[in-house]
Amino acid sequence: QVQLVESGGGLVQPGGSLRLSCAASGLIFSSAAMSWYRQAPGKERELVVTITIDGGSTNYADSVKGRFTISRDNAKNTVYLQMNSLKPEDTAVYYCKARGRTWRFGPNSDYWGQGTQVTVSS
């Protein structure tokens, strides 16, 4: 059973920082592309950033470029999202997504975490 568990969300003032973590289990993490999405109230879920299996390539949404940084630690089966210079419009539930397989010759599938709330407010 694949599990993605996000942590690190909370309330922060504008200009502040947070670091989200997503711990994965039940899949071959080192061969999974990992992404962070977010969904603000009344809006559709949007892609924030994706990182490739070796961390060599990332793709950020324009709205977070230069402020957010994704990284992964394949030894710990964990992906991180460092968020700096936070703005009120970054307020959302942040979700971790893995696209990977549970065994070597299995199909690639998408798996989602339960989400963690980030609120940016003074």
PDB file of N, CA and C in Angstrom:
ATOM      1  N   GLN A   1       0.846  -1.189   0.000  1.00  0.00           N
ATOM      2  CA  GLN A   1       0.000   0.000   0.000  1.00  0.00           C
ATOM      3  C   GLN A   1       0.882   1.239   0.000  1.00  0.00           C
ATOM      4  N   VAL A   2       0.627   2.100  -0.958  1.00  0.00           N
ATOM      5  CA  VAL A   2       1.419   3.321  -1.084  1.00  0.00           C
ATOM      6  C   VAL A   2       0.879   4.378  -0.130  1.00  0.00           C
ATOM      7  N   GLN A   3       1.790   5.002   0.591  1.00  0.00           N
ATOM      8  CA  GLN A   3       1.413   6.107   1.477  1.00  0.00           C
ATOM      9  C   GLN A   3       2.343   7.290   1.236  1.00  0.00           C
ATOM     10  N   LEU A   4       1.737   8.461   1.137  1.00  0.00           N
ATOM     11  CA  LEU A   4       2.483   9.719   1.063  1.00  0.00           C
ATOM     12  C   LEU A   4       1.978  10.576   2.216  1.00  0.00           C
ATOM     13  N   VAL A   5       2.880  10.964   3.095  1.00  0.00           N
ATOM     14  CA  VAL A   5       2.497  11.708   4.281  1.00  0.00           C
ATOM     15  C   VAL A   5       3.201  13.055   4.279  1.00  0.00           C
ATOM     16  N   GLU A   6       2.396  14.117   4.113  1.00  0.00           N
ATOM     17  CA  GLU A   6       2.945  15.475   4.120  1.00  0.00           C
ATOM     18  C   GLU A   6       2.997  16.015   5.541  1.00  0.00           C
ATOM     19  N   SER A   7       3.931  16.901   5.776  1.00  0.00           N
ATOM     20  CA  SER A   7       4.034  17.594   7.055  1.00  0.00           C
ATOM     21  C   SER A   7       4.730  18.931   6.829  1.00  0.00           C
ATOM     22  N   GLY A   8       4.643  19.796   7.833  1.00  0.00           N
ATOM     23  CA  GLY A   8       5.350  21.063   7.775  1.00  0.00           C
ATOM     24  C   GLY A   8       4.494  22.276   7.489  1.00  0.00           C
ATOM     25  N   GLY A   9       3.224  22.058   7.219  1.00  0.00           N
ATOM     26  CA  GLY A   9       2.346  23.194   6.972  1.00  0.00           C
ATOM     27  C   GLY A   9       2.057  23.968   8.252  1.00  0.00           C
ATOM     28  N   GLY A  10       1.408  25.112   8.085  1.00  0.00           N
ATOM     29  CA  GLY A  10       1.069  25.918   9.241  1.00  0.00           C
ATOM     30  C   GLY A  10       0.736  27.340   8.859  1.00  0.00           C
ATOM     31  N   LEU A  11       0.704  28.190   9.865  1.00  0.00           N
ATOM     32  CA  LEU A  11       0.412  29.615   9.691  1.00  0.00           C
ATOM     33  C   LEU A  11       1.719  30.389   9.725  1.00  0.00           C
ATOM     34  N   VAL A  12       1.909  31.246   8.729  1.00  0.00           N
ATOM     35  CA  VAL A  12       3.134  32.038   8.643  1.00  0.00           C
ATOM     36  C   VAL A  12       2.781  33.436   8.161  1.00  0.00           C
ATOM     37  N   GLN A  13       3.547  34.407   8.582  1.00  0.00           N
ATOM     38  CA  GLN A  13       3.315  35.779   8.143  1.00  0.00           C
ATOM     39  C   GLN A  13       3.861  35.991   6.730  1.00  0.00           C
ATOM     40  N   PRO A  14       3.316  36.961   6.017  1.00  0.00           N
ATOM     41  CA  PRO A  14       3.872  37.280   4.689  1.00  0.00           C
ATOM     42  C   PRO A  14       5.367  37.569   4.781  1.00  0.00           C
ATOM     43  N   GLY A  15       6.098  37.020   3.817  1.00  0.00           N
ATOM     44  CA  GLY A  15       7.546  37.148   3.826  1.00  0.00           C
ATOM     45  C   GLY A  15       8.261  36.041   4.556  1.00  0.00           C
ATOM     46  N   GLY A  16       7.514  35.225   5.251  1.00  0.00           N
ATOM     47  CA  GLY A  16       8.112  34.145   6.014  1.00  0.00           C
ATOM     48  C   GLY A  16       8.402  32.908   5.178  1.00  0.00           C
ATOM     49  N   SER A  17       8.851  31.868   5.860  1.00  0.00           N
ATOM     50  CA  SER A  17       9.248  30.625   5.193  1.00  0.00           C
ATOM     51  C   SER A  17       8.633  29.415   5.879  1.00  0.00           C
ATOM     52  N   LEU A  18       8.450  28.382   5.093  1.00  0.00           N
ATOM     53  CA  LEU A  18       8.042  27.074   5.587  1.00  0.00           C
ATOM     54  C   LEU A  18       8.750  26.013   4.765  1.00  0.00           C
ATOM     55  N   ARG A  19       8.941  24.862   5.373  1.00  0.00           N
ATOM     56  CA  ARG A  19       9.498  23.723   4.645  1.00  0.00           C
ATOM     57  C   ARG A  19       8.540  22.550   4.780  1.00  0.00           C
ATOM     58  N   LEU A  20       8.005  22.120   3.656  1.00  0.00           N
ATOM     59  CA  LEU A  20       7.125  20.972   3.639  1.00  0.00           C
ATOM     60  C   LEU A  20       7.933  19.712   3.368  1.00  0.00           C
ATOM     61  N   SER A  21       7.475  18.620   3.952  1.00  0.00           N
ATOM     62  CA  SER A  21       8.078  17.317   3.705  1.00  0.00           C
ATOM     63  C   SER A  21       7.008  16.337   3.261  1.00  0.00           C
ATOM     64  N   CYS A  22       7.403  15.383   2.461  1.00  0.00           N
ATOM     65  CA  CYS A  22       6.494  14.317   2.028  1.00  0.00           C
ATOM     66  C   CYS A  22       7.263  13.003   2.106  1.00  0.00           C
ATOM     67  N   ALA A  23       6.881  12.174   3.054  1.00  0.00           N
ATOM     68  CA  ALA A  23       7.531  10.880   3.239  1.00  0.00           C
ATOM     69  C   ALA A  23       6.729   9.803   2.523  1.00  0.00           C
ATOM     70  N   ALA A  24       7.411   9.046   1.681  1.00  0.00           N
ATOM     71  CA  ALA A  24       6.744   8.047   0.857  1.00  0.00           C
ATOM     72  C   ALA A  24       7.095   6.640   1.314  1.00  0.00           C
ATOM     73  N   SER A  25       6.140   5.741   1.167  1.00  0.00           N
ATOM     74  CA  SER A  25       6.371   4.332   1.439  1.00  0.00           C
ATOM     75  C   SER A  25       5.507   3.505   0.517  1.00  0.00           C
ATOM     76  N   GLY A  26       5.942   2.271   0.273  1.00  0.00           N
ATOM     77  CA  GLY A  26       5.151   1.362  -0.532  1.00  0.00           C
ATOM     78  C   GLY A  26       5.384   1.440  -2.022  1.00  0.00           C
ATOM     79  N   LEU A  27       6.295   2.329  -2.460  1.00  0.00           N
ATOM     80  CA  LEU A  27       6.620   2.378  -3.884  1.00  0.00           C
ATOM     81  C   LEU A  27       8.128   2.505  -4.033  1.00  0.00           C
ATOM     82  N   ILE A  28       8.595   2.311  -5.259  1.00  0.00           N
ATOM     83  CA  ILE A  28      10.026   2.432  -5.523  1.00  0.00           C
ATOM     84  C   ILE A  28      10.326   3.919  -5.676  1.00  0.00           C
ATOM     85  N   PHE A  29      10.677   4.552  -4.559  1.00  0.00           N
ATOM     86  CA  PHE A  29      10.785   6.000  -4.528  1.00  0.00           C
ATOM     87  C   PHE A  29      11.840   6.510  -5.505  1.00  0.00           C
ATOM     88  N   SER A  30      12.939   5.803  -5.617  1.00  0.00           N
ATOM     89  CA  SER A  30      14.047   6.286  -6.444  1.00  0.00           C
ATOM     90  C   SER A  30      13.692   6.336  -7.924  1.00  0.00           C
ATOM     91  N   SER A  31      12.603   5.695  -8.316  1.00  0.00           N
ATOM     92  CA  SER A  31      12.179   5.743  -9.711  1.00  0.00           C
ATOM     93  C   SER A  31      10.850   6.463  -9.884  1.00  0.00           C
ATOM     94  N   ALA A  32      10.463   7.237  -8.892  1.00  0.00           N
ATOM     95  CA  ALA A  32       9.199   7.970  -8.935  1.00  0.00           C
ATOM     96  C   ALA A  32       9.447   9.459  -9.160  1.00  0.00           C
ATOM     97  N   ALA A  33       8.764  10.007 -10.141  1.00  0.00           N
ATOM     98  CA  ALA A  33       8.754  11.463 -10.284  1.00  0.00           C
ATOM     99  C   ALA A  33       7.843  12.031  -9.208  1.00  0.00           C
ATOM    100  N   MET A  34       8.309  13.081  -8.561  1.00  0.00           N
ATOM    101  CA  MET A  34       7.560  13.642  -7.436  1.00  0.00           C
ATOM    102  C   MET A  34       7.127  15.065  -7.756  1.00  0.00           C
ATOM    103  N   SER A  35       5.956  15.423  -7.274  1.00  0.00           N
ATOM    104  CA  SER A  35       5.411  16.750  -7.532  1.00  0.00           C
ATOM    105  C   SER A  35       4.732  17.291  -6.288  1.00  0.00           C
ATOM    106  N   TRP A  36       4.662  18.598  -6.244  1.00  0.00           N
ATOM    107  CA  TRP A  36       3.821  19.299  -5.263  1.00  0.00           C
ATOM    108  C   TRP A  36       2.730  20.044  -6.041  1.00  0.00           C
ATOM    109  N   TYR A  37       1.511  19.900  -5.549  1.00  0.00           N
ATOM    110  CA  TYR A  37       0.362  20.636  -6.058  1.00  0.00           C
ATOM    111  C   TYR A  37      -0.210  21.450  -4.907  1.00  0.00           C
ATOM    112  N   ARG A  38      -1.063  22.393  -5.259  1.00  0.00           N
ATOM    113  CA  ARG A  38      -1.783  23.123  -4.214  1.00  0.00           C
ATOM    114  C   ARG A  38      -3.181  23.457  -4.702  1.00  0.00           C
ATOM    115  N   GLN A  39      -4.068  23.616  -3.736  1.00  0.00           N
ATOM    116  CA  GLN A  39      -5.449  23.973  -4.048  1.00  0.00           C
ATOM    117  C   GLN A  39      -5.929  25.010  -3.049  1.00  0.00           C
ATOM    118  N   ALA A  40      -6.215  26.182  -3.571  1.00  0.00           N
ATOM    119  CA  ALA A  40      -6.746  27.262  -2.748  1.00  0.00           C
ATOM    120  C   ALA A  40      -8.268  27.157  -2.707  1.00  0.00           C
ATOM    121  N   PRO A  41      -8.898  27.731  -1.697  1.00  0.00           N
ATOM    122  CA  PRO A  41     -10.366  27.669  -1.596  1.00  0.00           C
ATOM    123  C   PRO A  41     -11.037  28.217  -2.852  1.00  0.00           C
ATOM    124  N   GLY A  42     -11.958  27.445  -3.404  1.00  0.00           N
ATOM    125  CA  GLY A  42     -12.698  27.881  -4.576  1.00  0.00           C
ATOM    126  C   GLY A  42     -11.940  27.803  -5.877  1.00  0.00           C
ATOM    127  N   LYS A  43     -10.734  27.251  -5.839  1.00  0.00           N
ATOM    128  CA  LYS A  43      -9.931  27.154  -7.061  1.00  0.00           C
ATOM    129  C   LYS A  43      -9.585  25.712  -7.365  1.00  0.00           C
ATOM    130  N   GLU A  44      -9.177  25.480  -8.605  1.00  0.00           N
ATOM    131  CA  GLU A  44      -8.761  24.149  -8.988  1.00  0.00           C
ATOM    132  C   GLU A  44      -7.351  23.856  -8.460  1.00  0.00           C
ATOM    133  N   ARG A  45      -7.088  22.566  -8.316  1.00  0.00           N
ATOM    134  CA  ARG A  45      -5.753  22.154  -7.902  1.00  0.00           C
ATOM    135  C   ARG A  45      -4.763  22.501  -9.018  1.00  0.00           C
ATOM    136  N   GLU A  46      -3.618  23.056  -8.630  1.00  0.00           N
ATOM    137  CA  GLU A  46      -2.630  23.456  -9.626  1.00  0.00           C
ATOM    138  C   GLU A  46      -1.264  22.869  -9.294  1.00  0.00           C
ATOM    139  N   LEU A  47      -0.504  22.619 -10.339  1.00  0.00           N
ATOM    140  CA  LEU A  47       0.846  22.099 -10.187  1.00  0.00           C
ATOM    141  C   LEU A  47       1.779  23.211  -9.719  1.00  0.00           C
ATOM    142  N   VAL A  48       2.536  22.928  -8.680  1.00  0.00           N
ATOM    143  CA  VAL A  48       3.510  23.884  -8.170  1.00  0.00           C
ATOM    144  C   VAL A  48       4.892  23.578  -8.747  1.00  0.00           C
ATOM    145  N   VAL A  49       5.301  22.326  -8.630  1.00  0.00           N
ATOM    146  CA  VAL A  49       6.634  21.954  -9.102  1.00  0.00           C
ATOM    147  C   VAL A  49       6.736  20.443  -9.228  1.00  0.00           C
ATOM    148  N   THR A  50       7.571  19.996 -10.172  1.00  0.00           N
ATOM    149  CA  THR A  50       7.877  18.584 -10.346  1.00  0.00           C
ATOM    150  C   THR A  50       9.383  18.395 -10.334  1.00  0.00           C
ATOM    151  N   ILE A  51       9.828  17.268  -9.786  1.00  0.00           N
ATOM    152  CA  ILE A  51      11.247  16.927  -9.794  1.00  0.00           C
ATOM    153  C   ILE A  51      11.406  15.524 -10.355  1.00  0.00           C
ATOM    154  N   THR A  52      12.432  15.348 -11.195  1.00  0.00           N
ATOM    155  CA  THR A  52      12.658  14.047 -11.809  1.00  0.00           C
ATOM    156  C   THR A  52      13.265  13.063 -10.812  1.00  0.00           C
ATOM    157  N   ILE A  53      13.399  11.810 -11.253  1.00  0.00           N
ATOM    158  CA  ILE A  53      13.766  10.752 -10.323  1.00  0.00           C
ATOM    159  C   ILE A  53      15.148  10.958  -9.693  1.00  0.00           C
ATOM    160  N   ASP A  54      16.049  11.593 -10.429  1.00  0.00           N
ATOM    161  CA  ASP A  54      17.391  11.808  -9.884  1.00  0.00           C
ATOM    162  C   ASP A  54      17.594  13.229  -9.373  1.00  0.00           C
ATOM    163  N   GLY A  55      16.526  13.997  -9.407  1.00  0.00           N
ATOM    164  CA  GLY A  55      16.625  15.382  -8.954  1.00  0.00           C
ATOM    165  C   GLY A  55      17.323  16.305  -9.920  1.00  0.00           C
ATOM    166  N   GLY A  56      17.627  15.803 -11.103  1.00  0.00           N
ATOM    167  CA  GLY A  56      18.401  16.589 -12.048  1.00  0.00           C
ATOM    168  C   GLY A  56      17.613  17.641 -12.799  1.00  0.00           C
ATOM    169  N   SER A  57      16.308  17.511 -12.771  1.00  0.00           N
ATOM    170  CA  SER A  57      15.479  18.467 -13.502  1.00  0.00           C
ATOM    171  C   SER A  57      14.254  18.825 -12.682  1.00  0.00           C
ATOM    172  N   THR A  58      13.917  20.096 -12.695  1.00  0.00           N
ATOM    173  CA  THR A  58      12.729  20.580 -11.986  1.00  0.00           C
ATOM    174  C   THR A  58      11.934  21.490 -12.899  1.00  0.00           C
ATOM    175  N   ASN A  59      10.669  21.624 -12.601  1.00  0.00           N
ATOM    176  CA  ASN A  59       9.796  22.479 -13.400  1.00  0.00           C
ATOM    177  C   ASN A  59       8.848  23.195 -12.456  1.00  0.00           C
ATOM    178  N   TYR A  60       9.003  24.514 -12.357  1.00  0.00           N
ATOM    179  CA  TYR A  60       8.233  25.305 -11.411  1.00  0.00           C
ATOM    180  C   TYR A  60       7.137  26.100 -12.110  1.00  0.00           C
ATOM    181  N   ALA A  61       6.038  26.289 -11.405  1.00  0.00           N
ATOM    182  CA  ALA A  61       5.026  27.226 -11.865  1.00  0.00           C
ATOM    183  C   ALA A  61       5.614  28.637 -11.810  1.00  0.00           C
ATOM    184  N   ASP A  62       5.221  29.477 -12.740  1.00  0.00           N
ATOM    185  CA  ASP A  62       5.753  30.839 -12.790  1.00  0.00           C
ATOM    186  C   ASP A  62       5.525  31.589 -11.480  1.00  0.00           C
ATOM    187  N   SER A  63       4.422  31.300 -10.833  1.00  0.00           N
ATOM    188  CA  SER A  63       4.040  32.036  -9.623  1.00  0.00           C
ATOM    189  C   SER A  63       4.980  31.779  -8.441  1.00  0.00           C
ATOM    190  N   VAL A  64       5.767  30.699  -8.501  1.00  0.00           N
ATOM    191  CA  VAL A  64       6.634  30.361  -7.364  1.00  0.00           C
ATOM    192  C   VAL A  64       8.112  30.372  -7.720  1.00  0.00           C
ATOM    193  N   LYS A  65       8.441  30.605  -8.975  1.00  0.00           N
ATOM    194  CA  LYS A  65       9.840  30.608  -9.396  1.00  0.00           C
ATOM    195  C   LYS A  65      10.635  31.628  -8.605  1.00  0.00           C
ATOM    196  N   GLY A  66      11.805  31.195  -8.143  1.00  0.00           N
ATOM    197  CA  GLY A  66      12.665  32.079  -7.384  1.00  0.00           C
ATOM    198  C   GLY A  66      12.344  32.140  -5.906  1.00  0.00           C
ATOM    199  N   ARG A  67      11.206  31.569  -5.511  1.00  0.00           N
ATOM    200  CA  ARG A  67      10.814  31.591  -4.095  1.00  0.00           C
ATOM    201  C   ARG A  67      10.745  30.191  -3.494  1.00  0.00           C
ATOM    202  N   PHE A  68      10.337  29.227  -4.285  1.00  0.00           N
ATOM    203  CA  PHE A  68      10.195  27.851  -3.807  1.00  0.00           C
ATOM    204  C   PHE A  68      11.311  26.985  -4.387  1.00  0.00           C
ATOM    205  N   THR A  69      11.731  25.998  -3.601  1.00  0.00           N
ATOM    206  CA  THR A  69      12.747  25.056  -4.058  1.00  0.00           C
ATOM    207  C   THR A  69      12.347  23.641  -3.667  1.00  0.00           C
ATOM    208  N   ILE A  70      12.313  22.763  -4.648  1.00  0.00           N
ATOM    209  CA  ILE A  70      12.018  21.361  -4.388  1.00  0.00           C
ATOM    210  C   ILE A  70      13.335  20.585  -4.331  1.00  0.00           C
ATOM    211  N   SER A  71      13.360  19.580  -3.475  1.00  0.00           N
ATOM    212  CA  SER A  71      14.508  18.690  -3.403  1.00  0.00           C
ATOM    213  C   SER A  71      14.025  17.317  -2.971  1.00  0.00           C
ATOM    214  N   ARG A  72      14.872  16.330  -3.158  1.00  0.00           N
ATOM    215  CA  ARG A  72      14.503  14.981  -2.750  1.00  0.00           C
ATOM    216  C   ARG A  72      15.705  14.274  -2.162  1.00  0.00           C
ATOM    217  N   ASP A  73      15.412  13.381  -1.230  1.00  0.00           N
ATOM    218  CA  ASP A  73      16.427  12.543  -0.617  1.00  0.00           C
ATOM    219  C   ASP A  73      15.988  11.100  -0.838  1.00  0.00           C
ATOM    220  N   ASN A  74      16.560  10.458  -1.827  1.00  0.00           N
ATOM    221  CA  ASN A  74      16.141   9.099  -2.169  1.00  0.00           C
ATOM    222  C   ASN A  74      16.503   8.095  -1.083  1.00  0.00           C
ATOM    223  N   ALA A  75      17.483   8.409  -0.266  1.00  0.00           N
ATOM    224  CA  ALA A  75      17.848   7.515   0.843  1.00  0.00           C
ATOM    225  C   ALA A  75      16.788   7.543   1.941  1.00  0.00           C
ATOM    226  N   LYS A  76      16.070   8.658   2.016  1.00  0.00           N
ATOM    227  CA  LYS A  76      15.035   8.795   3.056  1.00  0.00           C
ATOM    228  C   LYS A  76      13.629   8.703   2.488  1.00  0.00           C
ATOM    229  N   ASN A  77      13.522   8.449   1.185  1.00  0.00           N
ATOM    230  CA  ASN A  77      12.203   8.368   0.535  1.00  0.00           C
ATOM    231  C   ASN A  77      11.364   9.609   0.827  1.00  0.00           C
ATOM    232  N   THR A  78      11.998  10.757   0.740  1.00  0.00           N
ATOM    233  CA  THR A  78      11.331  11.993   1.117  1.00  0.00           C
ATOM    234  C   THR A  78      11.595  13.089   0.089  1.00  0.00           C
ATOM    235  N   VAL A  79      10.561  13.861  -0.179  1.00  0.00           N
ATOM    236  CA  VAL A  79      10.696  15.040  -1.027  1.00  0.00           C
ATOM    237  C   VAL A  79      10.332  16.253  -0.184  1.00  0.00           C
ATOM    238  N   TYR A  80      11.012  17.358  -0.457  1.00  0.00           N
ATOM    239  CA  TYR A  80      10.834  18.569   0.328  1.00  0.00           C
ATOM    240  C   TYR A  80      10.409  19.731  -0.569  1.00  0.00           C
ATOM    241  N   LEU A  81       9.755  20.694   0.051  1.00  0.00           N
ATOM    242  CA  LEU A  81       9.446  21.939  -0.643  1.00  0.00           C
ATOM    243  C   LEU A  81       9.785  23.081   0.302  1.00  0.00           C
ATOM    244  N   GLN A  82      10.871  23.776   0.002  1.00  0.00           N
ATOM    245  CA  GLN A  82      11.252  24.954   0.762  1.00  0.00           C
ATOM    246  C   GLN A  82      10.550  26.158   0.160  1.00  0.00           C
ATOM    247  N   MET A  83       9.775  26.842   0.978  1.00  0.00           N
ATOM    248  CA  MET A  83       8.985  27.974   0.509  1.00  0.00           C
ATOM    249  C   MET A  83       9.452  29.230   1.228  1.00  0.00           C
ATOM    250  N   ASN A  84       9.975  30.159   0.485  1.00  0.00           N
ATOM    251  CA  ASN A  84      10.470  31.426   1.029  1.00  0.00           C
ATOM    252  C   ASN A  84       9.643  32.581   0.476  1.00  0.00           C
ATOM    253  N   SER A  85       9.763  33.720   1.117  1.00  0.00           N
ATOM    254  CA  SER A  85       9.063  34.934   0.678  1.00  0.00           C
ATOM    255  C   SER A  85       7.593  34.657   0.423  1.00  0.00           C
ATOM    256  N   LEU A  86       6.972  34.002   1.367  1.00  0.00           N
ATOM    257  CA  LEU A  86       5.577  33.585   1.176  1.00  0.00           C
ATOM    258  C   LEU A  86       4.649  34.779   1.089  1.00  0.00           C
ATOM    259  N   LYS A  87       3.622  34.606   0.263  1.00  0.00           N
ATOM    260  CA  LYS A  87       2.627  35.643   0.039  1.00  0.00           C
ATOM    261  C   LYS A  87       1.254  35.121   0.432  1.00  0.00           C
ATOM    262  N   PRO A  88       0.318  36.005   0.727  1.00  0.00           N
ATOM    263  CA  PRO A  88      -1.038  35.539   1.048  1.00  0.00           C
ATOM    264  C   PRO A  88      -1.632  34.657  -0.044  1.00  0.00           C
ATOM    265  N   GLU A  89      -1.296  34.918  -1.288  1.00  0.00           N
ATOM    266  CA  GLU A  89      -1.844  34.114  -2.373  1.00  0.00           C
ATOM    267  C   GLU A  89      -1.250  32.709  -2.440  1.00  0.00           C
ATOM    268  N   ASP A  90      -0.255  32.423  -1.615  1.00  0.00           N
ATOM    269  CA  ASP A  90       0.270  31.063  -1.515  1.00  0.00           C
ATOM    270  C   ASP A  90      -0.579  30.201  -0.574  1.00  0.00           C
ATOM    271  N   THR A  91      -1.541  30.820   0.090  1.00  0.00           N
ATOM    272  CA  THR A  91      -2.410  30.081   0.998  1.00  0.00           C
ATOM    273  C   THR A  91      -3.177  29.004   0.244  1.00  0.00           C
ATOM    274  N   ALA A  92      -3.050  27.774   0.703  1.00  0.00           N
ATOM    275  CA  ALA A  92      -3.682  26.644   0.020  1.00  0.00           C
ATOM    276  C   ALA A  92      -3.397  25.374   0.805  1.00  0.00           C
ATOM    277  N   VAL A  93      -4.073  24.314   0.409  1.00  0.00           N
ATOM    278  CA  VAL A  93      -3.679  22.979   0.852  1.00  0.00           C
ATOM    279  C   VAL A  93      -2.656  22.461  -0.146  1.00  0.00           C
ATOM    280  N   TYR A  94      -1.530  22.027   0.362  1.00  0.00           N
ATOM    281  CA  TYR A  94      -0.448  21.546  -0.488  1.00  0.00           C
ATOM    282  C   TYR A  94      -0.435  20.016  -0.471  1.00  0.00           C
ATOM    283  N   TYR A  95      -0.393  19.451  -1.673  1.00  0.00           N
ATOM    284  CA  TYR A  95      -0.439  18.002  -1.834  1.00  0.00           C
ATOM    285  C   TYR A  95       0.841  17.500  -2.497  1.00  0.00           C
ATOM    286  N   CYS A  96       1.285  16.370  -2.031  1.00  0.00           N
ATOM    287  CA  CYS A  96       2.410  15.654  -2.636  1.00  0.00           C
ATOM    288  C   CYS A  96       1.846  14.590  -3.580  1.00  0.00           C
ATOM    289  N   LYS A  97       2.455  14.470  -4.741  1.00  0.00           N
ATOM    290  CA  LYS A  97       2.043  13.434  -5.677  1.00  0.00           C
ATOM    291  C   LYS A  97       3.261  12.668  -6.160  1.00  0.00           C
ATOM    292  N   ALA A  98       3.119  11.362  -6.226  1.00  0.00           N
ATOM    293  CA  ALA A  98       4.155  10.496  -6.778  1.00  0.00           C
ATOM    294  C   ALA A  98       3.621   9.823  -8.033  1.00  0.00           C
ATOM    295  N   ARG A  99       4.462   9.779  -9.055  1.00  0.00           N
ATOM    296  CA  ARG A  99       4.137   8.972 -10.228  1.00  0.00           C
ATOM    297  C   ARG A  99       5.216   7.894 -10.307  1.00  0.00           C
ATOM    298  N   GLY A 100       4.833   6.682  -9.929  1.00  0.00           N
ATOM    299  CA  GLY A 100       5.816   5.620  -9.877  1.00  0.00           C
ATOM    300  C   GLY A 100       5.170   4.256  -9.843  1.00  0.00           C
ATOM    301  N   ARG A 101       5.981   3.265  -9.511  1.00  0.00           N
ATOM    302  CA  ARG A 101       5.512   1.882  -9.512  1.00  0.00           C
ATOM    303  C   ARG A 101       5.830   1.228  -8.180  1.00  0.00           C
ATOM    304  N   THR A 102       5.046   0.218  -7.884  1.00  0.00           N
ATOM    305  CA  THR A 102       5.209  -0.460  -6.605  1.00  0.00           C
ATOM    306  C   THR A 102       6.131  -1.671  -6.710  1.00  0.00           C
ATOM    307  N   TRP A 103       6.377  -2.138  -7.934  1.00  0.00           N
ATOM    308  CA  TRP A 103       7.365  -3.179  -8.134  1.00  0.00           C
ATOM    309  C   TRP A 103       8.037  -2.954  -9.469  1.00  0.00           C
ATOM    310  N   ARG A 104       9.152  -3.625  -9.687  1.00  0.00           N
ATOM    311  CA  ARG A 104      10.060  -3.278 -10.771  1.00  0.00           C
ATOM    312  C   ARG A 104       9.397  -3.252 -12.134  1.00  0.00           C
ATOM    313  N   PHE A 105       8.520  -4.185 -12.401  1.00  0.00           N
ATOM    314  CA  PHE A 105       7.905  -4.272 -13.731  1.00  0.00           C
ATOM    315  C   PHE A 105       6.442  -3.861 -13.715  1.00  0.00           C
ATOM    316  N   GLY A 106       6.028  -3.217 -12.660  1.00  0.00           N
ATOM    317  CA  GLY A 106       4.648  -2.757 -12.566  1.00  0.00           C
ATOM    318  C   GLY A 106       4.404  -1.494 -13.363  1.00  0.00           C
ATOM    319  N   PRO A 107       3.158  -1.126 -13.524  1.00  0.00           N
ATOM    320  CA  PRO A 107       2.817   0.090 -14.267  1.00  0.00           C
ATOM    321  C   PRO A 107       3.049   1.329 -13.420  1.00  0.00           C
ATOM    322  N   ASN A 108       3.315   2.449 -14.099  1.00  0.00           N
ATOM    323  CA  ASN A 108       3.380   3.711 -13.393  1.00  0.00           C
ATOM    324  C   ASN A 108       1.974   4.183 -13.062  1.00  0.00           C
ATOM    325  N   SER A 109       1.793   4.622 -11.823  1.00  0.00           N
ATOM    326  CA  SER A 109       0.498   5.143 -11.398  1.00  0.00           C
ATOM    327  C   SER A 109       0.721   6.399 -10.562  1.00  0.00           C
ATOM    328  N   ASP A 110      -0.335   7.165 -10.424  1.00  0.00           N
ATOM    329  CA  ASP A 110      -0.269   8.382  -9.605  1.00  0.00           C
ATOM    330  C   ASP A 110      -0.803   8.101  -8.201  1.00  0.00           C
ATOM    331  N   TYR A 111      -0.079   8.623  -7.219  1.00  0.00           N
ATOM    332  CA  TYR A 111      -0.467   8.470  -5.817  1.00  0.00           C
ATOM    333  C   TYR A 111      -0.422   9.852  -5.159  1.00  0.00           C
ATOM    334  N   TRP A 112      -1.391  10.094  -4.277  1.00  0.00           N
ATOM    335  CA  TRP A 112      -1.526  11.402  -3.636  1.00  0.00           C
ATOM    336  C   TRP A 112      -1.458  11.299  -2.123  1.00  0.00           C
ATOM    337  N   GLY A 113      -0.899  12.343  -1.515  1.00  0.00           N
ATOM    338  CA  GLY A 113      -0.959  12.473  -0.078  1.00  0.00           C
ATOM    339  C   GLY A 113      -2.266  13.117   0.347  1.00  0.00           C
ATOM    340  N   GLN A 114      -2.428  13.277   1.654  1.00  0.00           N
ATOM    341  CA  GLN A 114      -3.688  13.801   2.190  1.00  0.00           C
ATOM    342  C   GLN A 114      -3.709  15.328   2.223  1.00  0.00           C
ATOM    343  N   GLY A 115      -2.550  15.945   2.040  1.00  0.00           N
ATOM    344  CA  GLY A 115      -2.475  17.402   2.006  1.00  0.00           C
ATOM    345  C   GLY A 115      -2.098  18.009   3.346  1.00  0.00           C
ATOM    346  N   THR A 116      -1.486  19.173   3.268  1.00  0.00           N
ATOM    347  CA  THR A 116      -1.147  19.934   4.471  1.00  0.00           C
ATOM    348  C   THR A 116      -1.482  21.399   4.221  1.00  0.00           C
ATOM    349  N   GLN A 117      -2.104  22.020   5.197  1.00  0.00           N
ATOM    350  CA  GLN A 117      -2.581  23.396   5.032  1.00  0.00           C
ATOM    351  C   GLN A 117      -1.442  24.390   5.245  1.00  0.00           C
ATOM    352  N   VAL A 118      -1.324  25.312   4.315  1.00  0.00           N
ATOM    353  CA  VAL A 118      -0.407  26.447   4.453  1.00  0.00           C
ATOM    354  C   VAL A 118      -1.234  27.722   4.416  1.00  0.00           C
ATOM    355  N   THR A 119      -1.112  28.521   5.452  1.00  0.00           N
ATOM    356  CA  THR A 119      -1.839  29.781   5.530  1.00  0.00           C
ATOM    357  C   THR A 119      -0.848  30.912   5.723  1.00  0.00           C
ATOM    358  N   VAL A 120      -0.898  31.868   4.817  1.00  0.00           N
ATOM    359  CA  VAL A 120      -0.001  33.023   4.883  1.00  0.00           C
ATOM    360  C   VAL A 120      -0.852  34.243   5.211  1.00  0.00           C
ATOM    361  N   SER A 121      -0.682  34.746   6.408  1.00  0.00           N
ATOM    362  CA  SER A 121      -1.532  35.844   6.865  1.00  0.00           C
ATOM    363  C   SER A 121      -0.845  36.592   7.993  1.00  0.00           C
ATOM    364  N   SER A 122      -1.129  37.882   8.071  1.00  0.00           N
ATOM    365  CA  SER A 122      -0.607  38.681   9.181  1.00  0.00           C
ATOM    366  C   SER A 122      -1.641  38.787  10.290  1.00  0.00           C
TER     367      SER A 122
END
